[in-house]
Amino acid sequence: MTYALDLVVMVADADAEWAIRTLLTHRCTALGIHPVQHEVRRYPGRDAGVFRDAPDFLRSYAGRAHYALVVLDREGCGKEDLTAEALEADLEKRLRQNGWDAEQVAAVVLDPELEVWVWSHSPHVASILGVTVGDLQILWQSQPLSSTGKPLRPKETMQKILRCSRRPASPRIFQELAEQVSLQVHERAFDKFRRTLQGWFPQ
């Protein structure tokens, strides 16, 4: 079967849109995939709307796109009592019920939110956020940390650093991070994102 698109990705906001569009456009080699014809669609209903409406929204792409990926934050999705893995399983089940084969769809739920991907030890993170590496480490380590060493409140920590550097928050920051920061990181949602793409689009 011939598809107009290799991949359609549904996201909840401009930050995720620019991060993922940049990764798929400029970082295929670093992701370990071949170039893909993709479309990233931002849904106006934010994370709760993506979780609720993704199966209906993406139904029209079944038969047009070979694969469909849904990316959203656990925080703000309206079902925070569920784990990220349970939310993914629910979404994938409903996608299969709306015209997609099981091997064609995947959901990636960031826990708690997209900003968890920001926190790597790449020196590019500090320069993009507008602080020195030393100042970034001081601010980072002053926050409550998860078992993986990342801030428990990644978005609030990032906002605090941006206030210190006086850089306005914008999707451009996520575009720059996606362009420059090493992708050799280990975080559950990013690992699934990369592993899924490698399975669909091997080099």
C-alpha atoms as a PDB file:
ATOM      1  CA  MET A   1       0.000   0.000   0.000  1.00  0.00           C
ATOM      2  CA  THR A   2       1.226   3.491  -0.854  1.00  0.00           C
ATOM      3  CA  TYR A   3       0.904   6.214   1.787  1.00  0.00           C
ATOM      4  CA  ALA A   4       1.022   9.983   1.305  1.00  0.00           C
ATOM      5  CA  LEU A   5       2.872  10.344   4.623  1.00  0.00           C
ATOM      6  CA  ASP A   6       5.286   8.138   6.503  1.00  0.00           C
ATOM      7  CA  LEU A   7       4.235   9.553   9.852  1.00  0.00           C
ATOM      8  CA  VAL A   8       1.671  11.837  11.449  1.00  0.00           C
ATOM      9  CA  VAL A   9       2.372  13.113  14.962  1.00  0.00           C
ATOM     10  CA  MET A  10      -0.279  14.694  17.170  1.00  0.00           C
ATOM     11  CA  VAL A  11       0.914  17.027  19.949  1.00  0.00           C
ATOM     12  CA  ALA A  12      -0.678  19.343  22.468  1.00  0.00           C
ATOM     13  CA  ASP A  13       1.230  22.631  22.164  1.00  0.00           C
ATOM     14  CA  ALA A  14       3.738  24.673  20.192  1.00  0.00           C
ATOM     15  CA  ASP A  15       6.676  23.634  22.399  1.00  0.00           C
ATOM     16  CA  ALA A  16       6.169  19.952  21.600  1.00  0.00           C
ATOM     17  CA  GLU A  17       5.380  20.762  17.980  1.00  0.00           C
ATOM     18  CA  TRP A  18       8.701  22.526  17.415  1.00  0.00           C
ATOM     19  CA  ALA A  19      10.730  20.024  19.415  1.00  0.00           C
ATOM     20  CA  ILE A  20       9.416  17.031  17.492  1.00  0.00           C
ATOM     21  CA  ARG A  21       9.347  18.728  14.102  1.00  0.00           C
ATOM     22  CA  THR A  22      13.000  19.704  14.586  1.00  0.00           C
ATOM     23  CA  LEU A  23      14.001  16.200  15.664  1.00  0.00           C
ATOM     24  CA  LEU A  24      12.275  14.636  12.656  1.00  0.00           C
ATOM     25  CA  THR A  25      13.648  17.219  10.213  1.00  0.00           C
ATOM     26  CA  HIS A  26      17.226  17.656  11.415  1.00  0.00           C
ATOM     27  CA  ARG A  27      18.180  14.821  13.783  1.00  0.00           C
ATOM     28  CA  CYS A  28      17.270  11.606  11.964  1.00  0.00           C
ATOM     29  CA  THR A  29      20.846  10.319  12.072  1.00  0.00           C
ATOM     30  CA  ALA A  30      21.129  11.017  15.807  1.00  0.00           C
ATOM     31  CA  LEU A  31      17.785   9.281  16.374  1.00  0.00           C
ATOM     32  CA  GLY A  32      18.992   6.269  14.399  1.00  0.00           C
ATOM     33  CA  ILE A  33      16.303   6.500  11.700  1.00  0.00           C
ATOM     34  CA  HIS A  34      16.137   7.242   7.993  1.00  0.00           C
ATOM     35  CA  PRO A  35      14.512  10.518   6.816  1.00  0.00           C
ATOM     36  CA  VAL A  36      10.718  10.464   6.961  1.00  0.00           C
ATOM     37  CA  GLN A  37       7.925  12.363   5.268  1.00  0.00           C
ATOM     38  CA  HIS A  38       6.054  13.624   8.313  1.00  0.00           C
ATOM     39  CA  GLU A  39       3.351  15.984   9.494  1.00  0.00           C
ATOM     40  CA  VAL A  40       3.196  17.313  13.061  1.00  0.00           C
ATOM     41  CA  ARG A  41      -0.302  18.434  14.064  1.00  0.00           C
ATOM     42  CA  ARG A  42      -0.892  20.613  17.100  1.00  0.00           C
ATOM     43  CA  TYR A  43      -4.304  20.091  18.681  1.00  0.00           C
ATOM     44  CA  PRO A  44      -5.993  23.163  20.247  1.00  0.00           C
ATOM     45  CA  GLY A  45      -7.486  21.142  23.086  1.00  0.00           C
ATOM     46  CA  ARG A  46      -4.124  20.900  24.890  1.00  0.00           C
ATOM     47  CA  ASP A  47      -3.126  17.702  26.693  1.00  0.00           C
ATOM     48  CA  ALA A  48      -6.600  16.791  27.929  1.00  0.00           C
ATOM     49  CA  GLY A  49      -7.985  17.277  24.437  1.00  0.00           C
ATOM     50  CA  VAL A  50      -5.237  15.174  22.883  1.00  0.00           C
ATOM     51  CA  PHE A  51      -5.887  12.330  25.299  1.00  0.00           C
ATOM     52  CA  ARG A  52      -9.643  12.507  24.718  1.00  0.00           C
ATOM     53  CA  ASP A  53      -9.788  13.207  20.996  1.00  0.00           C
ATOM     54  CA  ALA A  54      -6.671  11.701  19.383  1.00  0.00           C
ATOM     55  CA  PRO A  55      -8.431   8.571  18.070  1.00  0.00           C
ATOM     56  CA  ASP A  56     -11.156  10.622  16.357  1.00  0.00           C
ATOM     57  CA  PHE A  57      -8.743  13.291  15.135  1.00  0.00           C
ATOM     58  CA  LEU A  58      -6.361  10.766  13.600  1.00  0.00           C
ATOM     59  CA  ARG A  59      -9.029   8.544  12.044  1.00  0.00           C
ATOM     60  CA  SER A  60      -8.853  10.571   8.833  1.00  0.00           C
ATOM     61  CA  TYR A  61      -5.118   9.774   8.572  1.00  0.00           C
ATOM     62  CA  ALA A  62      -5.622   6.005   8.605  1.00  0.00           C
ATOM     63  CA  GLY A  63      -4.778   4.969   5.055  1.00  0.00           C
ATOM     64  CA  ARG A  64      -3.023   8.310   4.373  1.00  0.00           C
ATOM     65  CA  ALA A  65      -0.183   7.972   6.882  1.00  0.00           C
ATOM     66  CA  HIS A  66       1.731   4.744   7.422  1.00  0.00           C
ATOM     67  CA  TYR A  67       2.203   5.402  11.152  1.00  0.00           C
ATOM     68  CA  ALA A  68       0.651   7.622  13.824  1.00  0.00           C
ATOM     69  CA  LEU A  69       2.298   8.863  17.008  1.00  0.00           C
ATOM     70  CA  VAL A  70       0.561  10.737  19.835  1.00  0.00           C
ATOM     71  CA  VAL A  71       2.683  12.773  22.271  1.00  0.00           C
ATOM     72  CA  LEU A  72       1.282  14.505  25.352  1.00  0.00           C
ATOM     73  CA  ASP A  73       2.061  15.444  28.939  1.00  0.00           C
ATOM     74  CA  ARG A  74       0.727  13.410  31.829  1.00  0.00           C
ATOM     75  CA  GLU A  75       0.261  16.623  33.794  1.00  0.00           C
ATOM     76  CA  GLY A  76      -2.782  18.400  32.424  1.00  0.00           C
ATOM     77  CA  CYS A  77      -4.197  15.399  30.560  1.00  0.00           C
ATOM     78  CA  GLY A  78      -7.139  15.109  32.972  1.00  0.00           C
ATOM     79  CA  LYS A  79      -6.244  11.554  34.009  1.00  0.00           C
ATOM     80  CA  GLU A  80      -3.323  12.190  36.326  1.00  0.00           C
ATOM     81  CA  ASP A  81      -4.460   9.343  38.575  1.00  0.00           C
ATOM     82  CA  LEU A  82      -3.166   6.942  35.907  1.00  0.00           C
ATOM     83  CA  THR A  83       0.478   6.168  35.214  1.00  0.00           C
ATOM     84  CA  ALA A  84       2.089   7.286  31.968  1.00  0.00           C
ATOM     85  CA  GLU A  85       2.199   3.653  30.838  1.00  0.00           C
ATOM     86  CA  ALA A  86      -1.511   3.173  31.546  1.00  0.00           C
ATOM     87  CA  LEU A  87      -2.369   6.344  29.618  1.00  0.00           C
ATOM     88  CA  GLU A  88      -0.324   5.117  26.658  1.00  0.00           C
ATOM     89  CA  ALA A  89      -2.028   1.727  26.684  1.00  0.00           C
ATOM     90  CA  ASP A  90      -5.470   3.371  26.800  1.00  0.00           C
ATOM     91  CA  LEU A  91      -4.682   5.665  23.881  1.00  0.00           C
ATOM     92  CA  GLU A  92      -3.153   2.904  21.774  1.00  0.00           C
ATOM     93  CA  LYS A  93      -6.192   0.697  22.361  1.00  0.00           C
ATOM     94  CA  ARG A  94      -8.565   3.453  21.239  1.00  0.00           C
ATOM     95  CA  LEU A  95      -6.424   4.202  18.184  1.00  0.00           C
ATOM     96  CA  ARG A  96      -6.658   0.538  17.176  1.00  0.00           C
ATOM     97  CA  GLN A  97     -10.422   0.782  17.511  1.00  0.00           C
ATOM     98  CA  ASN A  98     -10.450   3.716  15.083  1.00  0.00           C
ATOM     99  CA  GLY A  99      -8.922   2.327  11.922  1.00  0.00           C
ATOM    100  CA  TRP A 100      -5.268   1.652  12.791  1.00  0.00           C
ATOM    101  CA  ASP A 101      -3.399  -1.637  13.017  1.00  0.00           C
ATOM    102  CA  ALA A 102      -1.551  -2.242  16.284  1.00  0.00           C
ATOM    103  CA  GLU A 103       1.894  -1.970  14.701  1.00  0.00           C
ATOM    104  CA  GLN A 104       1.012   1.398  13.126  1.00  0.00           C
ATOM    105  CA  VAL A 105       0.354   3.421  16.277  1.00  0.00           C
ATOM    106  CA  ALA A 106       2.093   4.460  19.469  1.00  0.00           C
ATOM    107  CA  ALA A 107       1.480   6.920  22.294  1.00  0.00           C
ATOM    108  CA  VAL A 108       4.210   8.632  24.300  1.00  0.00           C
ATOM    109  CA  VAL A 109       3.196  10.267  27.585  1.00  0.00           C
ATOM    110  CA  LEU A 110       5.792  12.563  29.138  1.00  0.00           C
ATOM    111  CA  ASP A 111       5.827  12.400  32.928  1.00  0.00           C
ATOM    112  CA  PRO A 112       5.181  14.967  34.178  1.00  0.00           C
ATOM    113  CA  GLU A 113       5.671  17.107  31.038  1.00  0.00           C
ATOM    114  CA  LEU A 114       7.784  17.900  27.975  1.00  0.00           C
ATOM    115  CA  GLU A 115      10.350  19.834  30.018  1.00  0.00           C
ATOM    116  CA  VAL A 116      11.620  16.547  31.468  1.00  0.00           C
ATOM    117  CA  TRP A 117      13.461  16.163  28.135  1.00  0.00           C
ATOM    118  CA  VAL A 118      15.340  19.428  28.753  1.00  0.00           C
ATOM    119  CA  TRP A 119      17.347  18.124  31.685  1.00  0.00           C
ATOM    120  CA  SER A 120      20.508  16.578  30.312  1.00  0.00           C
ATOM    121  CA  HIS A 121      24.128  17.390  31.127  1.00  0.00           C
ATOM    122  CA  SER A 122      24.853  18.735  27.657  1.00  0.00           C
ATOM    123  CA  PRO A 123      26.577  22.141  27.868  1.00  0.00           C
ATOM    124  CA  HIS A 124      24.172  23.322  25.158  1.00  0.00           C
ATOM    125  CA  VAL A 125      21.332  23.313  27.713  1.00  0.00           C
ATOM    126  CA  ALA A 126      22.964  26.072  29.768  1.00  0.00           C
ATOM    127  CA  SER A 127      23.832  28.238  26.768  1.00  0.00           C
ATOM    128  CA  ILE A 128      20.357  27.936  25.271  1.00  0.00           C
ATOM    129  CA  LEU A 129      18.713  28.813  28.587  1.00  0.00           C
ATOM    130  CA  GLY A 130      21.085  31.771  28.922  1.00  0.00           C
ATOM    131  CA  VAL A 131      23.118  30.804  31.991  1.00  0.00           C
ATOM    132  CA  THR A 132      26.561  29.370  32.667  1.00  0.00           C
ATOM    133  CA  VAL A 133      27.015  25.644  33.176  1.00  0.00           C
ATOM    134  CA  GLY A 134      27.923  26.313  36.821  1.00  0.00           C
ATOM    135  CA  ASP A 135      24.832  28.420  37.478  1.00  0.00           C
ATOM    136  CA  LEU A 136      22.647  25.817  35.778  1.00  0.00           C
ATOM    137  CA  GLN A 137      24.041  23.081  38.017  1.00  0.00           C
ATOM    138  CA  ILE A 138      23.492  25.167  41.161  1.00  0.00           C
ATOM    139  CA  LEU A 139      19.881  25.915  40.236  1.00  0.00           C
ATOM    140  CA  TRP A 140      19.298  22.318  39.108  1.00  0.00           C
ATOM    141  CA  GLN A 141      20.673  20.747  42.274  1.00  0.00           C
ATOM    142  CA  SER A 142      18.729  23.166  44.486  1.00  0.00           C
ATOM    143  CA  GLN A 143      15.438  21.637  43.271  1.00  0.00           C
ATOM    144  CA  PRO A 144      13.784  18.436  44.533  1.00  0.00           C
ATOM    145  CA  LEU A 145      15.049  15.663  42.248  1.00  0.00           C
ATOM    146  CA  SER A 146      13.577  12.398  41.029  1.00  0.00           C
ATOM    147  CA  SER A 147      15.353   9.056  41.265  1.00  0.00           C
ATOM    148  CA  THR A 148      16.818   9.745  37.808  1.00  0.00           C
ATOM    149  CA  GLY A 149      18.389  13.014  38.968  1.00  0.00           C
ATOM    150  CA  LYS A 150      16.001  15.222  37.016  1.00  0.00           C
ATOM    151  CA  PRO A 151      13.941  17.959  38.711  1.00  0.00           C
ATOM    152  CA  LEU A 152      10.615  16.670  40.001  1.00  0.00           C
ATOM    153  CA  ARG A 153       9.081  19.890  38.636  1.00  0.00           C
ATOM    154  CA  PRO A 154      10.963  20.257  35.332  1.00  0.00           C
ATOM    155  CA  LYS A 155       8.779  23.015  33.908  1.00  0.00           C
ATOM    156  CA  GLU A 156       8.921  25.197  37.001  1.00  0.00           C
ATOM    157  CA  THR A 157      12.685  24.684  37.262  1.00  0.00           C
ATOM    158  CA  MET A 158      13.143  25.720  33.640  1.00  0.00           C
ATOM    159  CA  GLN A 159      10.955  28.785  34.188  1.00  0.00           C
ATOM    160  CA  LYS A 160      13.044  29.773  37.218  1.00  0.00           C
ATOM    161  CA  ILE A 161      16.248  29.599  35.168  1.00  0.00           C
ATOM    162  CA  LEU A 162      14.719  31.629  32.343  1.00  0.00           C
ATOM    163  CA  ARG A 163      13.689  34.308  34.833  1.00  0.00           C
ATOM    164  CA  CYS A 164      17.297  34.461  36.039  1.00  0.00           C
ATOM    165  CA  SER A 165      18.631  34.771  32.491  1.00  0.00           C
ATOM    166  CA  ARG A 166      15.800  37.078  31.383  1.00  0.00           C
ATOM    167  CA  ARG A 167      15.197  34.950  28.302  1.00  0.00           C
ATOM    168  CA  PRO A 168      11.488  34.857  27.430  1.00  0.00           C
ATOM    169  CA  ALA A 169       9.927  31.393  27.288  1.00  0.00           C
ATOM    170  CA  SER A 170       9.038  30.428  23.721  1.00  0.00           C
ATOM    171  CA  PRO A 171       8.850  27.425  21.395  1.00  0.00           C
ATOM    172  CA  ARG A 172      12.125  28.656  19.877  1.00  0.00           C
ATOM    173  CA  ILE A 173      13.920  27.350  22.984  1.00  0.00           C
ATOM    174  CA  PHE A 174      12.642  23.833  22.334  1.00  0.00           C
ATOM    175  CA  GLN A 175      13.626  24.116  18.688  1.00  0.00           C
ATOM    176  CA  GLU A 176      17.191  25.079  19.695  1.00  0.00           C
ATOM    177  CA  LEU A 177      17.392  22.297  22.275  1.00  0.00           C
ATOM    178  CA  ALA A 178      16.192  19.737  19.729  1.00  0.00           C
ATOM    179  CA  GLU A 179      18.757  21.012  17.203  1.00  0.00           C
ATOM    180  CA  GLN A 180      21.788  21.009  19.495  1.00  0.00           C
ATOM    181  CA  VAL A 181      21.512  18.803  22.580  1.00  0.00           C
ATOM    182  CA  SER A 182      22.867  15.254  22.453  1.00  0.00           C
ATOM    183  CA  LEU A 183      20.163  12.622  22.077  1.00  0.00           C
ATOM    184  CA  GLN A 184      22.181  10.057  24.022  1.00  0.00           C
ATOM    185  CA  VAL A 185      19.954  10.465  27.052  1.00  0.00           C
ATOM    186  CA  HIS A 186      17.941   7.911  28.948  1.00  0.00           C
ATOM    187  CA  GLU A 187      14.451   8.919  29.994  1.00  0.00           C
ATOM    188  CA  ARG A 188      11.492   6.544  29.779  1.00  0.00           C
ATOM    189  CA  ALA A 189       9.315   8.538  27.370  1.00  0.00           C
ATOM    190  CA  PHE A 190      12.207   9.624  25.143  1.00  0.00           C
ATOM    191  CA  ASP A 191      13.505   6.056  25.033  1.00  0.00           C
ATOM    192  CA  LYS A 192      10.078   4.887  23.848  1.00  0.00           C
ATOM    193  CA  PHE A 193       9.884   7.728  21.317  1.00  0.00           C
ATOM    194  CA  ARG A 194      13.283   6.830  19.849  1.00  0.00           C
ATOM    195  CA  ARG A 195      12.716   3.055  20.009  1.00  0.00           C
ATOM    196  CA  THR A 196       9.345   3.385  18.255  1.00  0.00           C
ATOM    197  CA  LEU A 197      10.787   5.496  15.457  1.00  0.00           C
ATOM    198  CA  GLN A 198      13.720   3.110  15.021  1.00  0.00           C
ATOM    199  CA  GLY A 199      11.291   0.224  14.692  1.00  0.00           C
ATOM    200  CA  TRP A 200       9.264   2.056  12.057  1.00  0.00           C
ATOM    201  CA  PHE A 201      12.075   3.784  10.157  1.00  0.00           C
ATOM    202  CA  PRO A 202      15.342   1.846  10.596  1.00  0.00           C
ATOM    203  CA  GLN A 203      18.485   3.342   9.101  1.00  0.00           C
END
